[in-house]
Amino acid sequence: MEREARFEFGANWSRFLRVLTPERIEVAEASLREMLGVERLDGKRFLDIGSGSGLFSLAARRLGATVHSFDYDRQSVACTAELRRRYFPDDPAWRVEQGSALDPAYLEKLGAFEVVYSWGVLHHTGSMWAALDNAARCVALGGLLFIALYNDQGDKSE
């Protein structure tokens, strides 16, 4: 999607980081545990596609996963990097970078992950089906693709 045509989510995430509390982090961790049906993520690789604020990357790392976070939006990358700096400074088990869910060469270089997480992101790319296909290719054999897509159809969605 052309940069000029997209909403820059990072500004919202920057504001969110100012009100992030330990309780919100604990809720994110509990959410991951419940949705994935696990208590811990030790020994698992977790890919956060469109990491936004970095909250769920942080939750996955706190649960023991090795985390790779990326986002297309530079400010979102900065937010995720800020959470890494605050809670896991210089941690080699959490990598944060800019990347695109629409770049199959980039994703291929990342390898396979036991958990591929993308919550409310792929439909914003402008090529949702390509982004979904690319994300699915990152899932390790026996792994989980954990996504949320919004499908607002006006009155029908209500």
C-alpha atoms as a PDB file:
ATOM      1  CA  MET A   1       0.000   0.000   0.000  1.00  0.00           C
ATOM      2  CA  GLU A   2       1.324   3.428  -0.860  1.00  0.00           C
ATOM      3  CA  ARG A   3       2.637   5.348   2.141  1.00  0.00           C
ATOM      4  CA  GLU A   4       0.506   8.382   1.285  1.00  0.00           C
ATOM      5  CA  ALA A   5      -2.690   6.301   1.300  1.00  0.00           C
ATOM      6  CA  ARG A   6      -2.293   4.649   4.696  1.00  0.00           C
ATOM      7  CA  PHE A   7      -3.161   5.581   8.249  1.00  0.00           C
ATOM      8  CA  GLU A   8      -0.145   5.861  10.500  1.00  0.00           C
ATOM      9  CA  PHE A   9      -1.046   3.749  13.513  1.00  0.00           C
ATOM     10  CA  GLY A  10       2.188   4.472  15.371  1.00  0.00           C
ATOM     11  CA  ALA A  11       0.981   7.844  16.650  1.00  0.00           C
ATOM     12  CA  ASN A  12      -1.889   6.063  18.427  1.00  0.00           C
ATOM     13  CA  TRP A  13       0.465   3.448  19.857  1.00  0.00           C
ATOM     14  CA  SER A  14       2.807   6.165  21.157  1.00  0.00           C
ATOM     15  CA  ARG A  15      -0.071   7.608  23.173  1.00  0.00           C
ATOM     16  CA  PHE A  16      -1.011   4.133  24.398  1.00  0.00           C
ATOM     17  CA  LEU A  17       2.489   3.532  25.787  1.00  0.00           C
ATOM     18  CA  ARG A  18       2.059   6.564  28.039  1.00  0.00           C
ATOM     19  CA  VAL A  19      -0.861   4.839  29.818  1.00  0.00           C
ATOM     20  CA  LEU A  20       0.450   1.273  29.757  1.00  0.00           C
ATOM     21  CA  THR A  21       0.303  -0.237  33.235  1.00  0.00           C
ATOM     22  CA  PRO A  22       1.543  -3.502  34.739  1.00  0.00           C
ATOM     23  CA  GLU A  23      -2.109  -4.586  34.959  1.00  0.00           C
ATOM     24  CA  ARG A  24      -2.602  -4.126  31.190  1.00  0.00           C
ATOM     25  CA  ILE A  25       0.518  -6.180  30.540  1.00  0.00           C
ATOM     26  CA  GLU A  26      -0.810  -8.943  32.804  1.00  0.00           C
ATOM     27  CA  VAL A  27      -4.141  -8.883  30.940  1.00  0.00           C
ATOM     28  CA  ALA A  28      -2.285  -9.273  27.621  1.00  0.00           C
ATOM     29  CA  GLU A  29      -0.343 -12.232  29.014  1.00  0.00           C
ATOM     30  CA  ALA A  30      -3.530 -13.852  30.311  1.00  0.00           C
ATOM     31  CA  SER A  31      -5.160 -13.282  26.931  1.00  0.00           C
ATOM     32  CA  LEU A  32      -2.311 -15.041  25.110  1.00  0.00           C
ATOM     33  CA  ARG A  33      -2.310 -17.946  27.555  1.00  0.00           C
ATOM     34  CA  GLU A  34      -6.059 -18.391  27.196  1.00  0.00           C
ATOM     35  CA  MET A  35      -6.231 -18.010  23.418  1.00  0.00           C
ATOM     36  CA  LEU A  36      -3.251 -20.311  22.816  1.00  0.00           C
ATOM     37  CA  GLY A  37      -4.254 -22.791  25.527  1.00  0.00           C
ATOM     38  CA  VAL A  38      -0.848 -22.708  27.229  1.00  0.00           C
ATOM     39  CA  GLU A  39       0.667 -21.517  30.483  1.00  0.00           C
ATOM     40  CA  ARG A  40       4.093 -20.731  29.013  1.00  0.00           C
ATOM     41  CA  LEU A  41       5.748 -20.281  25.624  1.00  0.00           C
ATOM     42  CA  ASP A  42       9.214 -21.495  26.601  1.00  0.00           C
ATOM     43  CA  GLY A  43      11.084 -22.927  23.625  1.00  0.00           C
ATOM     44  CA  LYS A  44       8.599 -21.462  21.133  1.00  0.00           C
ATOM     45  CA  ARG A  45       9.329 -18.932  18.391  1.00  0.00           C
ATOM     46  CA  PHE A  46       6.684 -16.182  18.245  1.00  0.00           C
ATOM     47  CA  LEU A  47       6.303 -13.929  15.181  1.00  0.00           C
ATOM     48  CA  ASP A  48       4.339 -10.724  15.743  1.00  0.00           C
ATOM     49  CA  ILE A  49       3.282  -9.405  12.322  1.00  0.00           C
ATOM     50  CA  GLY A  50       2.268  -5.775  12.700  1.00  0.00           C
ATOM     51  CA  SER A  51       3.444  -5.462  16.284  1.00  0.00           C
ATOM     52  CA  GLY A  52       1.899  -2.005  16.796  1.00  0.00           C
ATOM     53  CA  SER A  53       2.511  -0.990  20.399  1.00  0.00           C
ATOM     54  CA  GLY A  54       4.522  -4.140  21.053  1.00  0.00           C
ATOM     55  CA  LEU A  55       2.242  -5.194  23.911  1.00  0.00           C
ATOM     56  CA  PHE A  56       1.666  -8.743  22.687  1.00  0.00           C
ATOM     57  CA  SER A  57       5.315  -9.155  21.744  1.00  0.00           C
ATOM     58  CA  LEU A  58       6.127  -8.170  25.321  1.00  0.00           C
ATOM     59  CA  ALA A  59       3.533 -10.590  26.666  1.00  0.00           C
ATOM     60  CA  ALA A  60       4.938 -13.437  24.544  1.00  0.00           C
ATOM     61  CA  ARG A  61       8.487 -12.666  25.665  1.00  0.00           C
ATOM     62  CA  ARG A  62       7.418 -12.562  29.319  1.00  0.00           C
ATOM     63  CA  LEU A  63       5.829 -15.981  28.772  1.00  0.00           C
ATOM     64  CA  GLY A  64       9.196 -17.309  27.599  1.00  0.00           C
ATOM     65  CA  ALA A  65       8.972 -17.171  23.796  1.00  0.00           C
ATOM     66  CA  THR A  66      11.750 -16.062  21.507  1.00  0.00           C
ATOM     67  CA  VAL A  67      10.073 -13.134  19.758  1.00  0.00           C
ATOM     68  CA  HIS A  68      10.463 -11.503  16.373  1.00  0.00           C
ATOM     69  CA  SER A  69       8.378  -8.330  16.046  1.00  0.00           C
ATOM     70  CA  PHE A  70       7.926  -6.286  12.920  1.00  0.00           C
ATOM     71  CA  ASP A  71       5.659  -3.597  11.608  1.00  0.00           C
ATOM     72  CA  TYR A  72       5.460  -1.583   8.410  1.00  0.00           C
ATOM     73  CA  ASP A  73       4.844   1.667  10.300  1.00  0.00           C
ATOM     74  CA  ARG A  74       8.067   3.246  11.593  1.00  0.00           C
ATOM     75  CA  GLN A  75       6.425   4.744  14.683  1.00  0.00           C
ATOM     76  CA  SER A  76       4.935   1.358  15.567  1.00  0.00           C
ATOM     77  CA  VAL A  77       8.403  -0.178  15.266  1.00  0.00           C
ATOM     78  CA  ALA A  78       9.669   2.549  17.598  1.00  0.00           C
ATOM     79  CA  CYS A  79       6.902   1.743  20.111  1.00  0.00           C
ATOM     80  CA  THR A  80       7.722  -1.959  20.098  1.00  0.00           C
ATOM     81  CA  ALA A  81      11.425  -1.141  20.434  1.00  0.00           C
ATOM     82  CA  GLU A  82      10.605   1.103  23.387  1.00  0.00           C
ATOM     83  CA  LEU A  83       8.824  -1.728  25.204  1.00  0.00           C
ATOM     84  CA  ARG A  84      11.767  -3.993  24.517  1.00  0.00           C
ATOM     85  CA  ARG A  85      14.095  -1.305  25.902  1.00  0.00           C
ATOM     86  CA  ARG A  86      11.970  -0.886  29.044  1.00  0.00           C
ATOM     87  CA  TYR A  87      11.431  -4.543  29.880  1.00  0.00           C
ATOM     88  CA  PHE A  88      14.060  -6.621  28.025  1.00  0.00           C
ATOM     89  CA  PRO A  89      17.002  -4.338  27.220  1.00  0.00           C
ATOM     90  CA  ASP A  90      19.661  -5.901  25.021  1.00  0.00           C
ATOM     91  CA  ASP A  91      17.768  -9.200  24.971  1.00  0.00           C
ATOM     92  CA  PRO A  92      18.899 -11.346  22.019  1.00  0.00           C
ATOM     93  CA  ALA A  93      15.654 -13.362  22.300  1.00  0.00           C
ATOM     94  CA  TRP A  94      13.531 -10.389  21.165  1.00  0.00           C
ATOM     95  CA  ARG A  95      14.187  -8.809  17.788  1.00  0.00           C
ATOM     96  CA  VAL A  96      12.317  -5.709  16.562  1.00  0.00           C
ATOM     97  CA  GLU A  97      12.475  -4.364  13.019  1.00  0.00           C
ATOM     98  CA  GLN A  98      10.603  -2.749  10.185  1.00  0.00           C
ATOM     99  CA  GLY A  99       9.148  -5.100   7.584  1.00  0.00           C
ATOM    100  CA  SER A 100       6.114  -5.791   5.469  1.00  0.00           C
ATOM    101  CA  ALA A 101       3.628  -8.662   5.497  1.00  0.00           C
ATOM    102  CA  LEU A 102       3.486  -8.142   1.731  1.00  0.00           C
ATOM    103  CA  ASP A 103       7.186  -8.883   1.231  1.00  0.00           C
ATOM    104  CA  PRO A 104       7.541 -12.664   0.780  1.00  0.00           C
ATOM    105  CA  ALA A 105      11.350 -12.451   0.479  1.00  0.00           C
ATOM    106  CA  TYR A 106      11.569 -10.676   3.847  1.00  0.00           C
ATOM    107  CA  LEU A 107       9.285 -13.205   5.526  1.00  0.00           C
ATOM    108  CA  GLU A 108      11.101 -16.173   4.024  1.00  0.00           C
ATOM    109  CA  LYS A 109      14.354 -14.969   5.587  1.00  0.00           C
ATOM    110  CA  LEU A 110      12.716 -15.043   9.041  1.00  0.00           C
ATOM    111  CA  GLY A 111      12.119 -18.789   8.975  1.00  0.00           C
ATOM    112  CA  ALA A 112       9.324 -20.742  10.650  1.00  0.00           C
ATOM    113  CA  PHE A 113       7.601 -19.991  13.965  1.00  0.00           C
ATOM    114  CA  GLU A 114       5.494 -22.081  16.315  1.00  0.00           C
ATOM    115  CA  VAL A 115       3.170 -19.101  16.795  1.00  0.00           C
ATOM    116  CA  VAL A 116       2.483 -16.540  14.062  1.00  0.00           C
ATOM    117  CA  TYR A 117       0.393 -13.750  15.562  1.00  0.00           C
ATOM    118  CA  SER A 118      -1.229 -10.893  13.668  1.00  0.00           C
ATOM    119  CA  TRP A 119      -4.118  -9.216  15.430  1.00  0.00           C
ATOM    120  CA  GLY A 120      -6.150  -6.722  13.420  1.00  0.00           C
ATOM    121  CA  VAL A 121      -3.379  -6.076  10.899  1.00  0.00           C
ATOM    122  CA  LEU A 122      -3.499  -8.010   7.635  1.00  0.00           C
ATOM    123  CA  HIS A 123      -6.683  -6.393   6.333  1.00  0.00           C
ATOM    124  CA  HIS A 124      -4.949  -2.994   6.528  1.00  0.00           C
ATOM    125  CA  THR A 125      -2.246  -3.947   4.009  1.00  0.00           C
ATOM    126  CA  GLY A 126      -4.309  -3.258   0.893  1.00  0.00           C
ATOM    127  CA  SER A 127      -3.730  -6.868  -0.198  1.00  0.00           C
ATOM    128  CA  MET A 128      -5.233  -8.900   2.615  1.00  0.00           C
ATOM    129  CA  TRP A 129      -5.214 -12.283   0.867  1.00  0.00           C
ATOM    130  CA  ALA A 130      -1.564 -11.953  -0.166  1.00  0.00           C
ATOM    131  CA  ALA A 131      -0.646 -10.876   3.381  1.00  0.00           C
ATOM    132  CA  LEU A 132      -2.573 -13.815   4.843  1.00  0.00           C
ATOM    133  CA  ASP A 133      -0.874 -16.248   2.475  1.00  0.00           C
ATOM    134  CA  ASN A 134       2.531 -14.801   3.364  1.00  0.00           C
ATOM    135  CA  ALA A 135       1.800 -15.036   7.088  1.00  0.00           C
ATOM    136  CA  ALA A 136       0.660 -18.654   6.767  1.00  0.00           C
ATOM    137  CA  ARG A 137       3.956 -19.569   5.117  1.00  0.00           C
ATOM    138  CA  CYS A 138       5.766 -18.545   8.333  1.00  0.00           C
ATOM    139  CA  VAL A 139       4.000 -21.160  10.459  1.00  0.00           C
ATOM    140  CA  ALA A 140       6.162 -24.123  11.451  1.00  0.00           C
ATOM    141  CA  LEU A 141       4.807 -27.627  10.994  1.00  0.00           C
ATOM    142  CA  GLY A 142       2.366 -28.158  13.860  1.00  0.00           C
ATOM    143  CA  GLY A 143       2.418 -24.436  14.682  1.00  0.00           C
ATOM    144  CA  LEU A 144      -0.412 -21.943  15.044  1.00  0.00           C
ATOM    145  CA  LEU A 145      -1.526 -19.059  12.850  1.00  0.00           C
ATOM    146  CA  PHE A 146      -3.263 -16.756  15.281  1.00  0.00           C
ATOM    147  CA  ILE A 147      -4.962 -13.828  13.551  1.00  0.00           C
ATOM    148  CA  ALA A 148      -7.895 -11.454  13.717  1.00  0.00           C
ATOM    149  CA  LEU A 149      -9.350  -9.828  10.627  1.00  0.00           C
ATOM    150  CA  TYR A 150     -11.978  -7.114  10.716  1.00  0.00           C
ATOM    151  CA  ASN A 151     -14.794  -7.337   8.231  1.00  0.00           C
ATOM    152  CA  ASP A 152     -16.918  -4.231   8.653  1.00  0.00           C
ATOM    153  CA  GLN A 153     -19.832  -4.432   6.256  1.00  0.00           C
ATOM    154  CA  GLY A 154     -21.837  -1.588   7.710  1.00  0.00           C
ATOM    155  CA  ASP A 155     -25.327  -2.649   8.825  1.00  0.00           C
ATOM    156  CA  LYS A 156     -24.595  -6.304   8.063  1.00  0.00           C
ATOM    157  CA  SER A 157     -21.722  -6.320  10.595  1.00  0.00           C
ATOM    158  CA  GLU A 158     -23.948  -5.044  13.379  1.00  0.00           C
END
